[in-house]
Amino acid sequence: MPLKHPASKHHTDAAERHHEAAKHHHAAATHHEAGDDDKAKEHAGKAREHGTAAVEHGKKGHEESHK
């Protein structure tokens, strides 16, 4: 069933971005454990990007929910 409220899309996008961030955090930890700090830093950076995007979508969803 499609989501009707405009805030719902932003909240869904936020959840998807959080999930992507979690996958990159896991990859960073795995590479760190394996001693590949360059790959760990690369994945940590991607996790940060997805986390920042998640926060932005969450804020937009919150704003939309109060309209």
Foldseek 3Di string as FASTA:
>chain_A
DDDDQPLVVLQVLLVVLQVQLVVLCVQLVVCVVVVNNVSNVVSNVSSVVSNVSSVVSNVVSVVSVVD
